[in-house]
Amino acid sequence: MAQVYFHCSNTQGALIDRCGTVVDDPAEARDHAAGVVRSLISAASLEDWRGWVLHVSDDLGDEIFVMPFTFALGKPH
């Protein structure tokens, strides 16, 4: 088990995850990351999430992987 943090950023700023989440393995971290992205883009907001990226890091601050929000948004037509 590991404490993992899910920070979101774009060119204008960042949303910092100060609490983190305990995950058992990388697959669980990936699934949680996808849930974070989906919950943010589905919330009522005027935010354009296309330029946002979710950064997943461990308790030492080392980045494990990134997930662009566009994976959930798809490409514009």
PDB file of N, CA and C in Angstrom:
ATOM      1  N   MET A   1       0.848  -1.178   0.000  1.00  0.00           N
ATOM      2  CA  MET A   1       0.000   0.000   0.000  1.00  0.00           C
ATOM      3  C   MET A   1       0.889   1.236   0.000  1.00  0.00           C
ATOM      4  N   ALA A   2       0.416   2.258  -0.679  1.00  0.00           N
ATOM      5  CA  ALA A   2       1.191   3.491  -0.790  1.00  0.00           C
ATOM      6  C   ALA A   2       0.256   4.691  -0.751  1.00  0.00           C
ATOM      7  N   GLN A   3       0.749   5.772  -0.192  1.00  0.00           N
ATOM      8  CA  GLN A   3       0.029   7.045  -0.190  1.00  0.00           C
ATOM      9  C   GLN A   3       0.352   7.746  -1.507  1.00  0.00           C
ATOM     10  N   VAL A   4      -0.690   8.092  -2.261  1.00  0.00           N
ATOM     11  CA  VAL A   4      -0.520   8.700  -3.575  1.00  0.00           C
ATOM     12  C   VAL A   4      -1.323   9.996  -3.617  1.00  0.00           C
ATOM     13  N   TYR A   5      -0.766  10.995  -4.301  1.00  0.00           N
ATOM     14  CA  TYR A   5      -1.393  12.317  -4.386  1.00  0.00           C
ATOM     15  C   TYR A   5      -1.794  12.605  -5.827  1.00  0.00           C
ATOM     16  N   PHE A   6      -2.933  13.281  -5.979  1.00  0.00           N
ATOM     17  CA  PHE A   6      -3.517  13.543  -7.281  1.00  0.00           C
ATOM     18  C   PHE A   6      -3.660  15.052  -7.465  1.00  0.00           C
ATOM     19  N   HIS A   7      -2.624  15.677  -8.022  1.00  0.00           N
ATOM     20  CA  HIS A   7      -2.607  17.124  -8.247  1.00  0.00           C
ATOM     21  C   HIS A   7      -3.045  17.421  -9.677  1.00  0.00           C
ATOM     22  N   CYS A   8      -3.810  18.479  -9.850  1.00  0.00           N
ATOM     23  CA  CYS A   8      -4.272  18.886 -11.178  1.00  0.00           C
ATOM     24  C   CYS A   8      -3.673  20.247 -11.513  1.00  0.00           C
ATOM     25  N   SER A   9      -3.286  20.428 -12.772  1.00  0.00           N
ATOM     26  CA  SER A   9      -2.732  21.723 -13.157  1.00  0.00           C
ATOM     27  C   SER A   9      -3.048  22.041 -14.615  1.00  0.00           C
ATOM     28  N   ASN A  10      -2.982  23.347 -14.888  1.00  0.00           N
ATOM     29  CA  ASN A  10      -3.004  23.854 -16.257  1.00  0.00           C
ATOM     30  C   ASN A  10      -2.008  25.004 -16.295  1.00  0.00           C
ATOM     31  N   THR A  11      -1.978  25.766 -17.373  1.00  0.00           N
ATOM     32  CA  THR A  11      -1.004  26.848 -17.478  1.00  0.00           C
ATOM     33  C   THR A  11      -1.305  28.005 -16.534  1.00  0.00           C
ATOM     34  N   GLN A  12      -2.508  28.044 -15.983  1.00  0.00           N
ATOM     35  CA  GLN A  12      -2.912  29.148 -15.117  1.00  0.00           C
ATOM     36  C   GLN A  12      -2.783  28.853 -13.619  1.00  0.00           C
ATOM     37  N   GLY A  13      -2.695  27.586 -13.241  1.00  0.00           N
ATOM     38  CA  GLY A  13      -2.635  27.278 -11.817  1.00  0.00           C
ATOM     39  C   GLY A  13      -2.716  25.797 -11.534  1.00  0.00           C
ATOM     40  N   ALA A  14      -2.973  25.479 -10.265  1.00  0.00           N
ATOM     41  CA  ALA A  14      -2.991  24.081  -9.847  1.00  0.00           C
ATOM     42  C   ALA A  14      -4.000  23.864  -8.726  1.00  0.00           C
ATOM     43  N   LEU A  15      -4.492  22.645  -8.672  1.00  0.00           N
ATOM     44  CA  LEU A  15      -5.314  22.168  -7.564  1.00  0.00           C
ATOM     45  C   LEU A  15      -4.473  21.113  -6.850  1.00  0.00           C
ATOM     46  N   ILE A  16      -4.108  21.382  -5.602  1.00  0.00           N
ATOM     47  CA  ILE A  16      -3.190  20.510  -4.870  1.00  0.00           C
ATOM     48  C   ILE A  16      -3.970  19.560  -3.962  1.00  0.00           C
ATOM     49  N   ASP A  17      -3.663  18.294  -4.049  1.00  0.00           N
ATOM     50  CA  ASP A  17      -4.232  17.265  -3.185  1.00  0.00           C
ATOM     51  C   ASP A  17      -3.352  17.168  -1.952  1.00  0.00           C
ATOM     52  N   ARG A  18      -3.812  17.701  -0.838  1.00  0.00           N
ATOM     53  CA  ARG A  18      -3.011  17.720   0.386  1.00  0.00           C
ATOM     54  C   ARG A  18      -3.187  16.456   1.236  1.00  0.00           C
ATOM     55  N   CYS A  19      -4.236  15.695   0.980  1.00  0.00           N
ATOM     56  CA  CYS A  19      -4.516  14.500   1.795  1.00  0.00           C
ATOM     57  C   CYS A  19      -4.005  13.219   1.153  1.00  0.00           C
ATOM     58  N   GLY A  20      -4.133  13.105  -0.147  1.00  0.00           N
ATOM     59  CA  GLY A  20      -3.726  11.889  -0.827  1.00  0.00           C
ATOM     60  C   GLY A  20      -4.711  10.762  -0.591  1.00  0.00           C
ATOM     61  N   THR A  21      -4.401   9.628  -1.192  1.00  0.00           N
ATOM     62  CA  THR A  21      -5.229   8.435  -1.101  1.00  0.00           C
ATOM     63  C   THR A  21      -4.314   7.226  -1.014  1.00  0.00           C
ATOM     64  N   VAL A  22      -4.681   6.271  -0.185  1.00  0.00           N
ATOM     65  CA  VAL A  22      -3.915   5.033  -0.087  1.00  0.00           C
ATOM     66  C   VAL A  22      -4.387   4.086  -1.184  1.00  0.00           C
ATOM     67  N   VAL A  23      -3.435   3.590  -1.966  1.00  0.00           N
ATOM     68  CA  VAL A  23      -3.746   2.636  -3.032  1.00  0.00           C
ATOM     69  C   VAL A  23      -2.891   1.392  -2.850  1.00  0.00           C
ATOM     70  N   ASP A  24      -3.400   0.275  -3.364  1.00  0.00           N
ATOM     71  CA  ASP A  24      -2.679  -0.998  -3.244  1.00  0.00           C
ATOM     72  C   ASP A  24      -1.672  -1.225  -4.360  1.00  0.00           C
ATOM     73  N   ASP A  25      -1.972  -0.657  -5.551  1.00  0.00           N
ATOM     74  CA  ASP A  25      -1.097  -0.921  -6.689  1.00  0.00           C
ATOM     75  C   ASP A  25      -1.305   0.152  -7.761  1.00  0.00           C
ATOM     76  N   PRO A  26      -0.463   0.142  -8.792  1.00  0.00           N
ATOM     77  CA  PRO A  26      -0.593   1.150  -9.851  1.00  0.00           C
ATOM     78  C   PRO A  26      -1.946   1.133 -10.567  1.00  0.00           C
ATOM     79  N   ALA A  27      -2.550  -0.019 -10.710  1.00  0.00           N
ATOM     80  CA  ALA A  27      -3.856  -0.085 -11.363  1.00  0.00           C
ATOM     81  C   ALA A  27      -4.909   0.660 -10.553  1.00  0.00           C
ATOM     82  N   GLU A  28      -4.849   0.534  -9.239  1.00  0.00           N
ATOM     83  CA  GLU A  28      -5.794   1.251  -8.387  1.00  0.00           C
ATOM     84  C   GLU A  28      -5.543   2.757  -8.461  1.00  0.00           C
ATOM     85  N   ALA A  29      -4.281   3.164  -8.538  1.00  0.00           N
ATOM     86  CA  ALA A  29      -3.946   4.586  -8.684  1.00  0.00           C
ATOM     87  C   ALA A  29      -4.491   5.124 -10.007  1.00  0.00           C
ATOM     88  N   ARG A  30      -4.348   4.354 -11.080  1.00  0.00           N
ATOM     89  CA  ARG A  30      -4.869   4.752 -12.388  1.00  0.00           C
ATOM     90  C   ARG A  30      -6.386   4.888 -12.361  1.00  0.00           C
ATOM     91  N   ASP A  31      -7.062   3.923 -11.757  1.00  0.00           N
ATOM     92  CA  ASP A  31      -8.522   3.973 -11.683  1.00  0.00           C
ATOM     93  C   ASP A  31      -8.998   5.161 -10.854  1.00  0.00           C
ATOM     94  N   HIS A  32      -8.297   5.432  -9.759  1.00  0.00           N
ATOM     95  CA  HIS A  32      -8.666   6.584  -8.926  1.00  0.00           C
ATOM     96  C   HIS A  32      -8.434   7.889  -9.692  1.00  0.00           C
ATOM     97  N   ALA A  33      -7.321   7.966 -10.409  1.00  0.00           N
ATOM     98  CA  ALA A  33      -7.019   9.154 -11.211  1.00  0.00           C
ATOM     99  C   ALA A  33      -8.117   9.400 -12.240  1.00  0.00           C
ATOM    100  N   ALA A  34      -8.552   8.354 -12.912  1.00  0.00           N
ATOM    101  CA  ALA A  34      -9.624   8.495 -13.900  1.00  0.00           C
ATOM    102  C   ALA A  34     -10.904   8.987 -13.230  1.00  0.00           C
ATOM    103  N   GLY A  35     -11.184   8.506 -12.026  1.00  0.00           N
ATOM    104  CA  GLY A  35     -12.364   8.963 -11.293  1.00  0.00           C
ATOM    105  C   GLY A  35     -12.275  10.428 -10.905  1.00  0.00           C
ATOM    106  N   VAL A  36     -11.089  10.870 -10.506  1.00  0.00           N
ATOM    107  CA  VAL A  36     -10.891  12.282 -10.152  1.00  0.00           C
ATOM    108  C   VAL A  36     -11.161  13.157 -11.374  1.00  0.00           C
ATOM    109  N   VAL A  37     -10.592  12.772 -12.503  1.00  0.00           N
ATOM    110  CA  VAL A  37     -10.784  13.548 -13.735  1.00  0.00           C
ATOM    111  C   VAL A  37     -12.265  13.597 -14.101  1.00  0.00           C
ATOM    112  N   ARG A  38     -12.909  12.452 -14.099  1.00  0.00           N
ATOM    113  CA  ARG A  38     -14.331  12.407 -14.470  1.00  0.00           C
ATOM    114  C   ARG A  38     -15.194  13.231 -13.526  1.00  0.00           C
ATOM    115  N   SER A  39     -14.893  13.191 -12.229  1.00  0.00           N
ATOM    116  CA  SER A  39     -15.708  13.949 -11.276  1.00  0.00           C
ATOM    117  C   SER A  39     -15.536  15.456 -11.469  1.00  0.00           C
ATOM    118  N   LEU A  40     -14.340  15.894 -11.791  1.00  0.00           N
ATOM    119  CA  LEU A  40     -14.123  17.323 -12.014  1.00  0.00           C
ATOM    120  C   LEU A  40     -14.808  17.808 -13.288  1.00  0.00           C
ATOM    121  N   ILE A  41     -14.696  17.048 -14.371  1.00  0.00           N
ATOM    122  CA  ILE A  41     -15.290  17.519 -15.620  1.00  0.00           C
ATOM    123  C   ILE A  41     -16.807  17.404 -15.621  1.00  0.00           C
ATOM    124  N   SER A  42     -17.365  16.527 -14.774  1.00  0.00           N
ATOM    125  CA  SER A  42     -18.822  16.376 -14.747  1.00  0.00           C
ATOM    126  C   SER A  42     -19.493  17.345 -13.774  1.00  0.00           C
ATOM    127  N   ALA A  43     -18.711  17.997 -12.917  1.00  0.00           N
ATOM    128  CA  ALA A  43     -19.274  18.971 -11.978  1.00  0.00           C
ATOM    129  C   ALA A  43     -19.721  20.227 -12.728  1.00  0.00           C
ATOM    130  N   ALA A  44     -20.771  20.825 -12.230  1.00  0.00           N
ATOM    131  CA  ALA A  44     -21.255  22.069 -12.842  1.00  0.00           C
ATOM    132  C   ALA A  44     -20.178  23.138 -12.693  1.00  0.00           C
ATOM    133  N   SER A  45     -19.651  23.587 -13.812  1.00  0.00           N
ATOM    134  CA  SER A  45     -18.545  24.542 -13.789  1.00  0.00           C
ATOM    135  C   SER A  45     -18.405  25.190 -15.158  1.00  0.00           C
ATOM    136  N   LEU A  46     -17.863  26.387 -15.172  1.00  0.00           N
ATOM    137  CA  LEU A  46     -17.562  27.058 -16.438  1.00  0.00           C
ATOM    138  C   LEU A  46     -16.134  26.762 -16.895  1.00  0.00           C
ATOM    139  N   GLU A  47     -15.414  25.959 -16.136  1.00  0.00           N
ATOM    140  CA  GLU A  47     -14.014  25.650 -16.430  1.00  0.00           C
ATOM    141  C   GLU A  47     -13.900  24.846 -17.732  1.00  0.00           C
ATOM    142  N   ASP A  48     -12.942  25.235 -18.574  1.00  0.00           N
ATOM    143  CA  ASP A  48     -12.604  24.468 -19.762  1.00  0.00           C
ATOM    144  C   ASP A  48     -11.473  23.525 -19.361  1.00  0.00           C
ATOM    145  N   TRP A  49     -11.789  22.272 -19.193  1.00  0.00           N
ATOM    146  CA  TRP A  49     -10.839  21.297 -18.655  1.00  0.00           C
ATOM    147  C   TRP A  49      -9.869  20.747 -19.696  1.00  0.00           C
ATOM    148  N   ARG A  50      -9.996  21.157 -20.973  1.00  0.00           N
ATOM    149  CA  ARG A  50      -9.146  20.574 -22.013  1.00  0.00           C
ATOM    150  C   ARG A  50      -7.653  20.788 -21.793  1.00  0.00           C
ATOM    151  N   GLY A  51      -7.256  21.850 -21.127  1.00  0.00           N
ATOM    152  CA  GLY A  51      -5.843  22.121 -20.905  1.00  0.00           C
ATOM    153  C   GLY A  51      -5.307  21.588 -19.586  1.00  0.00           C
ATOM    154  N   TRP A  52      -6.121  20.868 -18.838  1.00  0.00           N
ATOM    155  CA  TRP A  52      -5.717  20.372 -17.520  1.00  0.00           C
ATOM    156  C   TRP A  52      -5.060  19.001 -17.608  1.00  0.00           C
ATOM    157  N   VAL A  53      -4.157  18.750 -16.652  1.00  0.00           N
ATOM    158  CA  VAL A  53      -3.467  17.464 -16.531  1.00  0.00           C
ATOM    159  C   VAL A  53      -3.483  17.058 -15.064  1.00  0.00           C
ATOM    160  N   LEU A  54      -3.721  15.781 -14.803  1.00  0.00           N
ATOM    161  CA  LEU A  54      -3.650  15.257 -13.446  1.00  0.00           C
ATOM    162  C   LEU A  54      -2.281  14.619 -13.259  1.00  0.00           C
ATOM    163  N   HIS A  55      -1.574  15.036 -12.217  1.00  0.00           N
ATOM    164  CA  HIS A  55      -0.240  14.518 -11.903  1.00  0.00           C
ATOM    165  C   HIS A  55      -0.363  13.612 -10.687  1.00  0.00           C
ATOM    166  N   VAL A  56       0.054  12.376 -10.828  1.00  0.00           N
ATOM    167  CA  VAL A  56      -0.010  11.417  -9.730  1.00  0.00           C
ATOM    168  C   VAL A  56       1.401  11.254  -9.185  1.00  0.00           C
ATOM    169  N   SER A  57       1.545  11.503  -7.873  1.00  0.00           N
ATOM    170  CA  SER A  57       2.875  11.412  -7.262  1.00  0.00           C
ATOM    171  C   SER A  57       2.821  10.627  -5.964  1.00  0.00           C
ATOM    172  N   ASP A  58       3.979  10.120  -5.555  1.00  0.00           N
ATOM    173  CA  ASP A  58       4.059   9.356  -4.311  1.00  0.00           C
ATOM    174  C   ASP A  58       4.301  10.284  -3.130  1.00  0.00           C
ATOM    175  N   ASP A  59       4.449   9.704  -1.949  1.00  0.00           N
ATOM    176  CA  ASP A  59       4.600  10.507  -0.737  1.00  0.00           C
ATOM    177  C   ASP A  59       5.939  11.238  -0.655  1.00  0.00           C
ATOM    178  N   LEU A  60       6.879  10.922  -1.548  1.00  0.00           N
ATOM    179  CA  LEU A  60       8.147  11.648  -1.611  1.00  0.00           C
ATOM    180  C   LEU A  60       8.094  12.788  -2.624  1.00  0.00           C
ATOM    181  N   GLY A  61       6.960  12.901  -3.334  1.00  0.00           N
ATOM    182  CA  GLY A  61       6.812  13.945  -4.341  1.00  0.00           C
ATOM    183  C   GLY A  61       7.264  13.525  -5.720  1.00  0.00           C
ATOM    184  N   ASP A  62       7.673  12.268  -5.881  1.00  0.00           N
ATOM    185  CA  ASP A  62       8.096  11.777  -7.197  1.00  0.00           C
ATOM    186  C   ASP A  62       6.867  11.478  -8.046  1.00  0.00           C
ATOM    187  N   GLU A  63       6.868  12.008  -9.261  1.00  0.00           N
ATOM    188  CA  GLU A  63       5.738  11.794 -10.156  1.00  0.00           C
ATOM    189  C   GLU A  63       5.734  10.358 -10.665  1.00  0.00           C
ATOM    190  N   ILE A  64       4.566   9.715 -10.562  1.00  0.00           N
ATOM    191  CA  ILE A  64       4.405   8.338 -11.011  1.00  0.00           C
ATOM    192  C   ILE A  64       3.911   8.318 -12.455  1.00  0.00           C
ATOM    193  N   PHE A  65       2.876   9.114 -12.739  1.00  0.00           N
ATOM    194  CA  PHE A  65       2.371   9.255 -14.102  1.00  0.00           C
ATOM    195  C   PHE A  65       1.503  10.499 -14.186  1.00  0.00           C
ATOM    196  N   VAL A  66       1.190  10.888 -15.405  1.00  0.00           N
ATOM    197  CA  VAL A  66       0.278  12.013 -15.644  1.00  0.00           C
ATOM    198  C   VAL A  66      -0.887  11.505 -16.480  1.00  0.00           C
ATOM    199  N   MET A  67      -2.027  12.188 -16.322  1.00  0.00           N
ATOM    200  CA  MET A  67      -3.228  11.831 -17.074  1.00  0.00           C
ATOM    201  C   MET A  67      -3.867  13.118 -17.580  1.00  0.00           C
ATOM    202  N   PRO A  68      -3.735  13.402 -18.869  1.00  0.00           N
ATOM    203  CA  PRO A  68      -4.401  14.591 -19.426  1.00  0.00           C
ATOM    204  C   PRO A  68      -5.916  14.435 -19.329  1.00  0.00           C
ATOM    205  N   PHE A  69      -6.617  15.511 -19.019  1.00  0.00           N
ATOM    206  CA  PHE A  69      -8.065  15.455 -18.920  1.00  0.00           C
ATOM    207  C   PHE A  69      -8.695  15.116 -20.268  1.00  0.00           C
ATOM    208  N   THR A  70      -7.982  15.358 -21.353  1.00  0.00           N
ATOM    209  CA  THR A  70      -8.542  15.089 -22.682  1.00  0.00           C
ATOM    210  C   THR A  70      -8.852  13.605 -22.882  1.00  0.00           C
ATOM    211  N   PHE A  71      -8.253  12.715 -22.071  1.00  0.00           N
ATOM    212  CA  PHE A  71      -8.573  11.299 -22.216  1.00  0.00           C
ATOM    213  C   PHE A  71     -10.054  11.055 -21.972  1.00  0.00           C
ATOM    214  N   ALA A  72     -10.650  11.845 -21.076  1.00  0.00           N
ATOM    215  CA  ALA A  72     -12.074  11.681 -20.737  1.00  0.00           C
ATOM    216  C   ALA A  72     -12.963  12.580 -21.579  1.00  0.00           C
ATOM    217  N   LEU A  73     -12.398  13.664 -22.083  1.00  0.00           N
ATOM    218  CA  LEU A  73     -13.185  14.622 -22.863  1.00  0.00           C
ATOM    219  C   LEU A  73     -13.295  14.248 -24.327  1.00  0.00           C
ATOM    220  N   GLY A  74     -12.300  13.543 -24.827  1.00  0.00           N
ATOM    221  CA  GLY A  74     -12.267  13.232 -26.250  1.00  0.00           C
ATOM    222  C   GLY A  74     -11.766  14.426 -27.037  1.00  0.00           C
ATOM    223  N   LYS A  75     -11.653  14.236 -28.310  1.00  0.00           N
ATOM    224  CA  LYS A  75     -11.188  15.313 -29.184  1.00  0.00           C
ATOM    225  C   LYS A  75     -12.361  16.166 -29.611  1.00  0.00           C
ATOM    226  N   PRO A  76     -12.155  17.510 -29.710  1.00  0.00           N
ATOM    227  CA  PRO A  76     -13.230  18.359 -30.196  1.00  0.00           C
ATOM    228  C   PRO A  76     -13.521  18.069 -31.668  1.00  0.00           C
ATOM    229  N   HIS A  77     -14.738  18.216 -32.060  1.00  0.00           N
ATOM    230  CA  HIS A  77     -15.129  17.944 -33.462  1.00  0.00           C
ATOM    231  C   HIS A  77     -14.926  19.140 -34.308  1.00  0.00           C
TER     232      HIS A  77
END
